[in-house]
Amino acid sequence: MRWRPALACWIQLVAVLGYTIGLGLLAPALWLDPFGALLKNLPILAAILALGAMEADR
């Protein structure tokens, strides 16, 4: 089985964006949650994008 990091990055990006936007629309109070229920997804998205950029350079 061949490892495909670019495909994995796109799948992760779509999944995290999908549930962040979905929950942001259905329950916007989660943005203000003290434990960062949705806010923590912003650095996760940045990390996924950074990983995708590093893999593109290979």
C-alpha atoms as a PDB file:
ATOM      1  CA  MET A   1       0.000   0.000   0.000  1.00  0.00           C
ATOM      2  CA  ARG A   2       1.473   3.340  -1.051  1.00  0.00           C
ATOM      3  CA  TRP A   3       1.253   6.278   1.356  1.00  0.00           C
ATOM      4  CA  ARG A   4      -0.387   9.313  -0.249  1.00  0.00           C
ATOM      5  CA  PRO A   5       0.134  12.286   2.072  1.00  0.00           C
ATOM      6  CA  ALA A   6      -1.304  14.856  -0.348  1.00  0.00           C
ATOM      7  CA  LEU A   7      -4.587  12.954  -0.563  1.00  0.00           C
ATOM      8  CA  ALA A   8      -4.670  12.516   3.217  1.00  0.00           C
ATOM      9  CA  CYS A   9      -4.137  16.266   3.703  1.00  0.00           C
ATOM     10  CA  TRP A  10      -7.045  17.108   1.384  1.00  0.00           C
ATOM     11  CA  ILE A  11      -9.345  14.633   3.123  1.00  0.00           C
ATOM     12  CA  GLN A  12      -8.424  16.024   6.546  1.00  0.00           C
ATOM     13  CA  LEU A  13      -8.855  19.603   5.364  1.00  0.00           C
ATOM     14  CA  VAL A  14     -12.317  18.920   3.927  1.00  0.00           C
ATOM     15  CA  ALA A  15     -13.413  16.984   7.025  1.00  0.00           C
ATOM     16  CA  VAL A  16     -12.287  19.624   9.533  1.00  0.00           C
ATOM     17  CA  LEU A  17     -13.667  22.492   7.459  1.00  0.00           C
ATOM     18  CA  GLY A  18     -16.951  20.638   6.978  1.00  0.00           C
ATOM     19  CA  TYR A  19     -17.700  20.016  10.608  1.00  0.00           C
ATOM     20  CA  THR A  20     -16.367  23.430  11.663  1.00  0.00           C
ATOM     21  CA  ILE A  21     -18.671  25.224   9.237  1.00  0.00           C
ATOM     22  CA  GLY A  22     -21.579  22.878   9.951  1.00  0.00           C
ATOM     23  CA  LEU A  23     -21.372  23.235  13.708  1.00  0.00           C
ATOM     24  CA  GLY A  24     -20.660  26.957  13.360  1.00  0.00           C
ATOM     25  CA  LEU A  25     -23.967  27.359  11.549  1.00  0.00           C
ATOM     26  CA  LEU A  26     -25.998  24.987  13.732  1.00  0.00           C
ATOM     27  CA  ALA A  27     -24.547  25.954  17.120  1.00  0.00           C
ATOM     28  CA  PRO A  28     -22.670  29.274  16.871  1.00  0.00           C
ATOM     29  CA  ALA A  29     -22.293  29.418  20.662  1.00  0.00           C
ATOM     30  CA  LEU A  30     -19.570  26.780  20.330  1.00  0.00           C
ATOM     31  CA  TRP A  31     -17.212  29.516  19.078  1.00  0.00           C
ATOM     32  CA  LEU A  32     -17.394  31.074  22.558  1.00  0.00           C
ATOM     33  CA  ASP A  33     -16.963  27.810  24.470  1.00  0.00           C
ATOM     34  CA  PRO A  34     -14.232  28.216  27.127  1.00  0.00           C
ATOM     35  CA  PHE A  35     -12.579  24.957  26.029  1.00  0.00           C
ATOM     36  CA  GLY A  36     -12.442  26.105  22.397  1.00  0.00           C
ATOM     37  CA  ALA A  37     -14.821  23.575  20.883  1.00  0.00           C
ATOM     38  CA  LEU A  38     -14.515  25.139  17.419  1.00  0.00           C
ATOM     39  CA  LEU A  39     -11.773  27.690  17.940  1.00  0.00           C
ATOM     40  CA  LYS A  40      -9.133  24.977  18.264  1.00  0.00           C
ATOM     41  CA  ASN A  41      -9.827  23.954  14.689  1.00  0.00           C
ATOM     42  CA  LEU A  42      -8.103  27.076  13.332  1.00  0.00           C
ATOM     43  CA  PRO A  43      -4.561  26.000  14.336  1.00  0.00           C
ATOM     44  CA  ILE A  44      -5.401  22.437  13.278  1.00  0.00           C
ATOM     45  CA  LEU A  45      -6.303  23.731   9.809  1.00  0.00           C
ATOM     46  CA  ALA A  46      -3.034  25.697   9.713  1.00  0.00           C
ATOM     47  CA  ALA A  47      -1.090  22.548  10.644  1.00  0.00           C
ATOM     48  CA  ILE A  48      -2.821  20.537   7.912  1.00  0.00           C
ATOM     49  CA  LEU A  49      -2.014  23.245   5.361  1.00  0.00           C
ATOM     50  CA  ALA A  50       1.617  23.354   6.512  1.00  0.00           C
ATOM     51  CA  LEU A  51       1.898  19.581   6.180  1.00  0.00           C
ATOM     52  CA  GLY A  52       0.413  19.744   2.698  1.00  0.00           C
ATOM     53  CA  ALA A  53       2.874  22.461   1.694  1.00  0.00           C
ATOM     54  CA  MET A  54       5.840  20.478   3.026  1.00  0.00           C
ATOM     55  CA  GLU A  55       4.710  17.350   1.198  1.00  0.00           C
ATOM     56  CA  ALA A  56       4.281  19.309  -2.045  1.00  0.00           C
ATOM     57  CA  ASP A  57       7.970  20.274  -1.921  1.00  0.00           C
ATOM     58  CA  ARG A  58       9.104  16.632  -1.981  1.00  0.00           C
END
